PDB file of all heavy atoms in Angstrom:
ATOM      1  N   VAL A   1    -122.898  43.402  19.552  1.00  0.00           N
ATOM      2  CA  VAL A   1    -122.995  42.221  20.417  1.00  0.00           C
ATOM      3  C   VAL A   1    -121.599  41.855  20.900  1.00  0.00           C
ATOM      4  O   VAL A   1    -120.614  41.978  20.173  1.00  0.00           O
ATOM      5  CB  VAL A   1    -123.647  41.028  19.686  1.00  0.00           C
ATOM      6  CG1 VAL A   1    -125.099  41.335  19.364  1.00  0.00           C
ATOM      7  CG2 VAL A   1    -122.895  40.666  18.417  1.00  0.00           C
ATOM      8  N   ALA A   2    -121.528  41.424  22.148  1.00  0.00           N
ATOM      9  CA  ALA A   2    -120.257  41.018  22.756  1.00  0.00           C
ATOM     10  C   ALA A   2    -120.544  40.278  24.046  1.00  0.00           C
ATOM     11  O   ALA A   2    -121.649  40.360  24.619  1.00  0.00           O
ATOM     12  CB  ALA A   2    -119.362  42.229  23.028  1.00  0.00           C
ATOM     13  N   THR A   3    -119.543  39.554  24.518  1.00  0.00           N
ATOM     14  CA  THR A   3    -119.571  38.898  25.826  1.00  0.00           C
ATOM     15  C   THR A   3    -118.493  39.534  26.691  1.00  0.00           C
ATOM     16  O   THR A   3    -117.427  39.905  26.187  1.00  0.00           O
ATOM     17  CB  THR A   3    -119.304  37.393  25.682  1.00  0.00           C
ATOM     18  OG1 THR A   3    -120.353  36.819  24.896  1.00  0.00           O
ATOM     19  CG2 THR A   3    -119.271  36.704  27.036  1.00  0.00           C
ATOM     20  N   PHE A   4    -118.758  39.686  27.993  1.00  0.00           N
ATOM     21  CA  PHE A   4    -117.760  40.315  28.860  1.00  0.00           C
ATOM     22  C   PHE A   4    -117.874  39.765  30.276  1.00  0.00           C
ATOM     23  O   PHE A   4    -118.891  39.177  30.664  1.00  0.00           O
ATOM     24  CB  PHE A   4    -117.932  41.839  28.872  1.00  0.00           C
ATOM     25  CG  PHE A   4    -119.252  42.316  29.415  1.00  0.00           C
ATOM     26  CD1 PHE A   4    -119.376  42.719  30.745  1.00  0.00           C
ATOM     27  CD2 PHE A   4    -120.380  42.386  28.598  1.00  0.00           C
ATOM     28  CE1 PHE A   4    -120.597  43.150  31.254  1.00  0.00           C
ATOM     29  CE2 PHE A   4    -121.599  42.818  29.103  1.00  0.00           C
ATOM     30  CZ  PHE A   4    -121.702  43.209  30.426  1.00  0.00           C
ATOM     31  N   ARG A   5    -116.813  39.968  31.040  1.00  0.00           N
ATOM     32  CA  ARG A   5    -116.785  39.569  32.437  1.00  0.00           C
ATOM     33  C   ARG A   5    -117.020  40.814  33.301  1.00  0.00           C
ATOM     34  O   ARG A   5    -116.675  41.926  32.903  1.00  0.00           O
ATOM     35  CB  ARG A   5    -115.435  38.931  32.771  1.00  0.00           C
ATOM     36  CG  ARG A   5    -115.374  38.284  34.170  1.00  0.00           C
ATOM     37  CD  ARG A   5    -114.083  37.484  34.347  1.00  0.00           C
ATOM     38  NE  ARG A   5    -114.016  36.382  33.400  1.00  0.00           N
ATOM     39  CZ  ARG A   5    -114.672  35.229  33.541  1.00  0.00           C
ATOM     40  NH1 ARG A   5    -115.449  35.045  34.610  1.00  0.00           N
ATOM     41  NH2 ARG A   5    -114.549  34.272  32.640  1.00  0.00           N
ATOM     42  N   HIS A   6    -117.613  40.608  34.484  1.00  0.00           N
ATOM     43  CA  HIS A   6    -117.901  41.745  35.356  1.00  0.00           C
ATOM     44  C   HIS A   6    -117.633  41.392  36.808  1.00  0.00           C
ATOM     45  O   HIS A   6    -117.649  40.218  37.202  1.00  0.00           O
ATOM     46  CB  HIS A   6    -119.339  42.241  35.178  1.00  0.00           C
ATOM     47  CG  HIS A   6    -120.353  41.140  35.069  1.00  0.00           C
ATOM     48  ND1 HIS A   6    -120.924  40.538  36.165  1.00  0.00           N
ATOM     49  CD2 HIS A   6    -120.881  40.533  33.980  1.00  0.00           C
ATOM     50  CE1 HIS A   6    -121.778  39.613  35.766  1.00  0.00           C
ATOM     51  NE2 HIS A   6    -121.768  39.578  34.439  1.00  0.00           N
ATOM     52  N   GLN A   7    -117.431  42.436  37.594  1.00  0.00           N
ATOM     53  CA  GLN A   7    -117.016  42.275  38.990  1.00  0.00           C
ATOM     54  C   GLN A   7    -118.160  41.827  39.893  1.00  0.00           C
ATOM     55  O   GLN A   7    -117.996  40.960  40.742  1.00  0.00           O
ATOM     56  CB  GLN A   7    -116.440  43.603  39.488  1.00  0.00           C
ATOM     57  CG  GLN A   7    -115.994  43.629  40.937  1.00  0.00           C
ATOM     58  CD  GLN A   7    -115.561  45.010  41.375  1.00  0.00           C
ATOM     59  OE1 GLN A   7    -116.010  46.013  40.806  1.00  0.00           O
ATOM     60  NE2 GLN A   7    -114.681  45.070  42.366  1.00  0.00           N
ATOM     61  N   ARG A   8    -119.333  42.398  39.714  1.00  0.00           N
ATOM     62  CA  ARG A   8    -120.473  42.103  40.584  1.00  0.00           C
ATOM     63  C   ARG A   8    -121.357  41.037  39.948  1.00  0.00           C
ATOM     64  O   ARG A   8    -121.484  40.966  38.734  1.00  0.00           O
ATOM     65  CB  ARG A   8    -121.289  43.371  40.838  1.00  0.00           C
ATOM     66  CG  ARG A   8    -120.525  44.429  41.619  1.00  0.00           C
ATOM     67  CD  ARG A   8    -121.311  45.703  41.734  1.00  0.00           C
ATOM     68  NE  ARG A   8    -120.548  46.728  42.418  1.00  0.00           N
ATOM     69  CZ  ARG A   8    -120.816  48.033  42.373  1.00  0.00           C
ATOM     70  NH1 ARG A   8    -121.848  48.464  41.645  1.00  0.00           N
ATOM     71  NH2 ARG A   8    -120.069  48.907  43.024  1.00  0.00           N
ATOM     72  N   PRO A   9    -122.009  40.193  40.769  1.00  0.00           N
ATOM     73  CA  PRO A   9    -122.849  39.116  40.216  1.00  0.00           C
ATOM     74  C   PRO A   9    -124.114  39.665  39.557  1.00  0.00           C
ATOM     75  O   PRO A   9    -124.688  40.658  40.023  1.00  0.00           O
ATOM     76  CB  PRO A   9    -123.182  38.271  41.446  1.00  0.00           C
ATOM     77  CG  PRO A   9    -123.065  39.221  42.604  1.00  0.00           C
ATOM     78  CD  PRO A   9    -121.955  40.171  42.252  1.00  0.00           C
ATOM     79  N   HIS A  10    -124.549  39.004  38.498  1.00  0.00           N
ATOM     80  CA  HIS A  10    -125.796  39.428  37.839  1.00  0.00           C
ATOM     81  C   HIS A  10    -127.024  38.813  38.501  1.00  0.00           C
ATOM     82  O   HIS A  10    -128.150  39.258  38.256  1.00  0.00           O
ATOM     83  CB  HIS A  10    -125.772  39.068  36.354  1.00  0.00           C
ATOM     84  CG  HIS A  10    -125.434  37.636  36.058  1.00  0.00           C
ATOM     85  ND1 HIS A  10    -126.127  36.563  36.566  1.00  0.00           N
ATOM     86  CD2 HIS A  10    -124.449  37.098  35.282  1.00  0.00           C
ATOM     87  CE1 HIS A  10    -125.619  35.438  36.121  1.00  0.00           C
ATOM     88  NE2 HIS A  10    -124.581  35.722  35.345  1.00  0.00           N
ATOM     89  N   ARG A  11    -126.831  37.780  39.326  1.00  0.00           N
ATOM     90  CA  ARG A  11    -127.904  37.106  40.077  1.00  0.00           C
ATOM     91  C   ARG A  11    -129.025  36.592  39.168  1.00  0.00           C
ATOM     92  O   ARG A  11    -130.192  36.539  39.557  1.00  0.00           O
ATOM     93  CB  ARG A  11    -128.478  38.019  41.161  1.00  0.00           C
ATOM     94  CG  ARG A  11    -127.415  38.547  42.123  1.00  0.00           C
ATOM     95  CD  ARG A  11    -128.029  39.312  43.293  1.00  0.00           C
ATOM     96  NE  ARG A  11    -127.003  40.000  44.057  1.00  0.00           N
ATOM     97  CZ  ARG A  11    -126.193  39.414  44.939  1.00  0.00           C
ATOM     98  NH1 ARG A  11    -126.311  38.113  45.145  1.00  0.00           N
ATOM     99  NH2 ARG A  11    -125.283  40.122  45.587  1.00  0.00           N
ATOM    100  N   GLY A  12    -128.666  36.256  37.937  1.00  0.00           N
ATOM    101  CA  GLY A  12    -129.644  35.687  37.022  1.00  0.00           C
ATOM    102  C   GLY A  12    -130.632  36.682  36.454  1.00  0.00           C
ATOM    103  O   GLY A  12    -131.650  36.293  35.870  1.00  0.00           O
ATOM    104  N   VAL A  13    -130.339  37.974  36.581  1.00  0.00           N
ATOM    105  CA  VAL A  13    -131.263  39.023  36.129  1.00  0.00           C
ATOM    106  C   VAL A  13    -130.777  39.630  34.810  1.00  0.00           C
ATOM    107  O   VAL A  13    -129.619  40.046  34.692  1.00  0.00           O
ATOM    108  CB  VAL A  13    -131.404  40.134  37.187  1.00  0.00           C
ATOM    109  CG1 VAL A  13    -132.295  41.265  36.665  1.00  0.00           C
ATOM    110  CG2 VAL A  13    -131.982  39.551  38.473  1.00  0.00           C
ATOM    111  N   SER A  14    -131.647  39.658  33.833  1.00  0.00           N
ATOM    112  CA  SER A  14    -131.383  40.331  32.559  1.00  0.00           C
ATOM    113  C   SER A  14    -131.786  41.796  32.701  1.00  0.00           C
ATOM    114  O   SER A  14    -132.892  42.105  33.146  1.00  0.00           O
ATOM    115  CB  SER A  14    -132.192  39.667  31.439  1.00  0.00           C
ATOM    116  OG  SER A  14    -131.969  40.305  30.211  1.00  0.00           O
ATOM    117  N   THR A  15    -130.871  42.692  32.333  1.00  0.00           N
ATOM    118  CA  THR A  15    -131.104  44.135  32.485  1.00  0.00           C
ATOM    119  C   THR A  15    -131.307  44.776  31.117  1.00  0.00           C
ATOM    120  O   THR A  15    -130.501  44.576  30.200  1.00  0.00           O
ATOM    121  CB  THR A  15    -129.907  44.807  33.178  1.00  0.00           C
ATOM    122  OG1 THR A  15    -129.734  44.216  34.479  1.00  0.00           O
ATOM    123  CG2 THR A  15    -130.128  46.298  33.320  1.00  0.00           C
ATOM    124  N   GLU A  16    -132.387  45.537  30.981  1.00  0.00           N
ATOM    125  CA  GLU A  16    -132.704  46.201  29.712  1.00  0.00           C
ATOM    126  C   GLU A  16    -132.914  47.689  29.955  1.00  0.00           C
ATOM    127  O   GLU A  16    -133.794  48.077  30.725  1.00  0.00           O
ATOM    128  CB  GLU A  16    -133.953  45.568  29.094  1.00  0.00           C
ATOM    129  CG  GLU A  16    -134.288  46.106  27.704  1.00  0.00           C
ATOM    130  CD  GLU A  16    -135.382  45.298  27.030  1.00  0.00           C
ATOM    131  OE1 GLU A  16    -135.330  44.053  27.077  1.00  0.00           O
ATOM    132  OE2 GLU A  16    -136.294  45.931  26.454  1.00  0.00           O
ATOM    133  N   LEU A  17    -132.101  48.498  29.309  1.00  0.00           N
ATOM    134  CA  LEU A  17    -132.217  49.947  29.398  1.00  0.00           C
ATOM    135  C   LEU A  17    -132.930  50.464  28.157  1.00  0.00           C
ATOM    136  O   LEU A  17    -132.482  50.233  27.030  1.00  0.00           O
ATOM    137  CB  LEU A  17    -130.829  50.591  29.494  1.00  0.00           C
ATOM    138  CG  LEU A  17    -129.892  50.095  30.596  1.00  0.00           C
ATOM    139  CD1 LEU A  17    -128.571  50.865  30.537  1.00  0.00           C
ATOM    140  CD2 LEU A  17    -130.535  50.235  31.970  1.00  0.00           C
ATOM    141  N   HIS A  18    -134.032  51.180  28.364  1.00  0.00           N
ATOM    142  CA  HIS A  18    -134.768  51.781  27.248  1.00  0.00           C
ATOM    143  C   HIS A  18    -134.199  53.173  26.992  1.00  0.00           C
ATOM    144  O   HIS A  18    -134.549  54.137  27.672  1.00  0.00           O
ATOM    145  CB  HIS A  18    -136.260  51.840  27.560  1.00  0.00           C
ATOM    146  CG  HIS A  18    -136.930  50.513  27.479  1.00  0.00           C
ATOM    147  ND1 HIS A  18    -138.288  50.333  27.584  1.00  0.00           N
ATOM    148  CD2 HIS A  18    -136.416  49.268  27.280  1.00  0.00           C
ATOM    149  CE1 HIS A  18    -138.588  49.057  27.471  1.00  0.00           C
ATOM    150  NE2 HIS A  18    -137.462  48.394  27.283  1.00  0.00           N
ATOM    151  N   ARG A  19    -133.321  53.261  26.009  1.00  0.00           N
ATOM    152  CA  ARG A  19    -132.613  54.500  25.679  1.00  0.00           C
ATOM    153  C   ARG A  19    -133.201  55.118  24.428  1.00  0.00           C
ATOM    154  O   ARG A  19    -133.817  54.431  23.615  1.00  0.00           O
ATOM    155  CB  ARG A  19    -131.119  54.194  25.478  1.00  0.00           C
ATOM    156  CG  ARG A  19    -130.456  53.518  26.665  1.00  0.00           C
ATOM    157  CD  ARG A  19    -129.180  52.766  26.303  1.00  0.00           C
ATOM    158  NE  ARG A  19    -128.223  53.609  25.605  1.00  0.00           N
ATOM    159  CZ  ARG A  19    -128.009  53.576  24.292  1.00  0.00           C
ATOM    160  NH1 ARG A  19    -128.695  52.739  23.517  1.00  0.00           N
ATOM    161  NH2 ARG A  19    -127.128  54.367  23.741  1.00  0.00           N
ATOM    162  N   ARG A  20    -132.961  56.404  24.251  1.00  0.00           N
ATOM    163  CA  ARG A  20    -133.523  57.110  23.095  1.00  0.00           C
ATOM    164  C   ARG A  20    -133.014  56.519  21.771  1.00  0.00           C
ATOM    165  O   ARG A  20    -133.766  56.423  20.791  1.00  0.00           O
ATOM    166  CB  ARG A  20    -133.176  58.607  23.182  1.00  0.00           C
ATOM    167  CG  ARG A  20    -133.667  59.455  22.006  1.00  0.00           C
ATOM    168  CD  ARG A  20    -135.166  59.338  21.792  1.00  0.00           C
ATOM    169  NE  ARG A  20    -135.947  59.729  22.943  1.00  0.00           N
ATOM    170  CZ  ARG A  20    -136.319  60.982  23.202  1.00  0.00           C
ATOM    171  NH1 ARG A  20    -135.966  61.954  22.396  1.00  0.00           N
ATOM    172  NH2 ARG A  20    -137.034  61.240  24.266  1.00  0.00           N
ATOM    173  N   ALA A  21    -131.765  56.093  21.716  1.00  0.00           N
ATOM    174  CA  ALA A  21    -131.210  55.555  20.473  1.00  0.00           C
ATOM    175  C   ALA A  21    -131.568  54.091  20.261  1.00  0.00           C
ATOM    176  O   ALA A  21    -131.376  53.552  19.169  1.00  0.00           O
ATOM    177  CB  ALA A  21    -129.689  55.721  20.459  1.00  0.00           C
ATOM    178  N   GLY A  22    -132.099  53.439  21.314  1.00  0.00           N
ATOM    179  CA  GLY A  22    -132.444  52.022  21.220  1.00  0.00           C
ATOM    180  C   GLY A  22    -132.127  51.317  22.519  1.00  0.00           C
ATOM    181  O   GLY A  22    -131.400  51.843  23.370  1.00  0.00           O
ATOM    182  N   PRO A  23    -132.635  50.114  22.699  1.00  0.00           N
ATOM    183  CA  PRO A  23    -132.405  49.388  23.952  1.00  0.00           C
ATOM    184  C   PRO A  23    -130.954  48.930  24.103  1.00  0.00           C
ATOM    185  O   PRO A  23    -130.266  48.658  23.119  1.00  0.00           O
ATOM    186  CB  PRO A  23    -133.338  48.173  23.839  1.00  0.00           C
ATOM    187  CG  PRO A  23    -134.255  48.464  22.707  1.00  0.00           C
ATOM    188  CD  PRO A  23    -133.528  49.386  21.795  1.00  0.00           C
ATOM    189  N   LEU A  24    -130.532  48.824  25.331  1.00  0.00           N
ATOM    190  CA  LEU A  24    -129.255  48.199  25.668  1.00  0.00           C
ATOM    191  C   LEU A  24    -129.581  47.082  26.648  1.00  0.00           C
ATOM    192  O   LEU A  24    -130.137  47.335  27.715  1.00  0.00           O
ATOM    193  CB  LEU A  24    -128.295  49.208  26.290  1.00  0.00           C
ATOM    194  CG  LEU A  24    -126.852  48.759  26.561  1.00  0.00           C
ATOM    195  CD1 LEU A  24    -125.915  49.957  26.628  1.00  0.00           C
ATOM    196  CD2 LEU A  24    -126.724  47.946  27.852  1.00  0.00           C
ATOM    197  N   THR A  25    -129.252  45.851  26.265  1.00  0.00           N
ATOM    198  CA  THR A  25    -129.635  44.695  27.062  1.00  0.00           C
ATOM    199  C   THR A  25    -128.404  43.899  27.464  1.00  0.00           C
ATOM    200  O   THR A  25    -127.528  43.631  26.631  1.00  0.00           O
ATOM    201  CB  THR A  25    -130.602  43.783  26.274  1.00  0.00           C
ATOM    202  OG1 THR A  25    -131.728  44.553  25.849  1.00  0.00           O
ATOM    203  CG2 THR A  25    -131.082  42.628  27.138  1.00  0.00           C
ATOM    204  N   VAL A  26    -128.351  43.520  28.737  1.00  0.00           N
ATOM    205  CA  VAL A  26    -127.289  42.665  29.261  1.00  0.00           C
ATOM    206  C   VAL A  26    -127.955  41.403  29.795  1.00  0.00           C
ATOM    207  O   VAL A  26    -128.754  41.462  30.736  1.00  0.00           O
ATOM    208  CB  VAL A  26    -126.487  43.371  30.369  1.00  0.00           C
ATOM    209  CG1 VAL A  26    -125.450  42.416  30.959  1.00  0.00           C
ATOM    210  CG2 VAL A  26    -125.790  44.605  29.823  1.00  0.00           C
ATOM    211  N   VAL A  27    -127.643  40.264  29.186  1.00  0.00           N
ATOM    212  CA  VAL A  27    -128.276  38.992  29.530  1.00  0.00           C
ATOM    213  C   VAL A  27    -127.288  38.145  30.329  1.00  0.00           C
ATOM    214  O   VAL A  27    -126.123  38.025  29.945  1.00  0.00           O
ATOM    215  CB  VAL A  27    -128.713  38.233  28.259  1.00  0.00           C
ATOM    216  CG1 VAL A  27    -129.497  36.980  28.624  1.00  0.00           C
ATOM    217  CG2 VAL A  27    -129.554  39.134  27.367  1.00  0.00           C
ATOM    218  N   PRO A  28    -127.718  37.549  31.458  1.00  0.00           N
ATOM    219  CA  PRO A  28    -126.783  36.800  32.299  1.00  0.00           C
ATOM    220  C   PRO A  28    -126.236  35.556  31.612  1.00  0.00           C
ATOM    221  O   PRO A  28    -126.959  34.826  30.932  1.00  0.00           O
ATOM    222  CB  PRO A  28    -127.640  36.414  33.513  1.00  0.00           C
ATOM    223  CG  PRO A  28    -129.050  36.477  33.042  1.00  0.00           C
ATOM    224  CD  PRO A  28    -129.083  37.561  32.016  1.00  0.00           C
TER     225      PRO A  28
END
């Protein structure tokens, strides 16, 4: 778990990647 800053706006969308080792989720 961590918090980070990013260049492009997230537009209020939570992104969840379903990966073989487990999900990766980025919450706005």
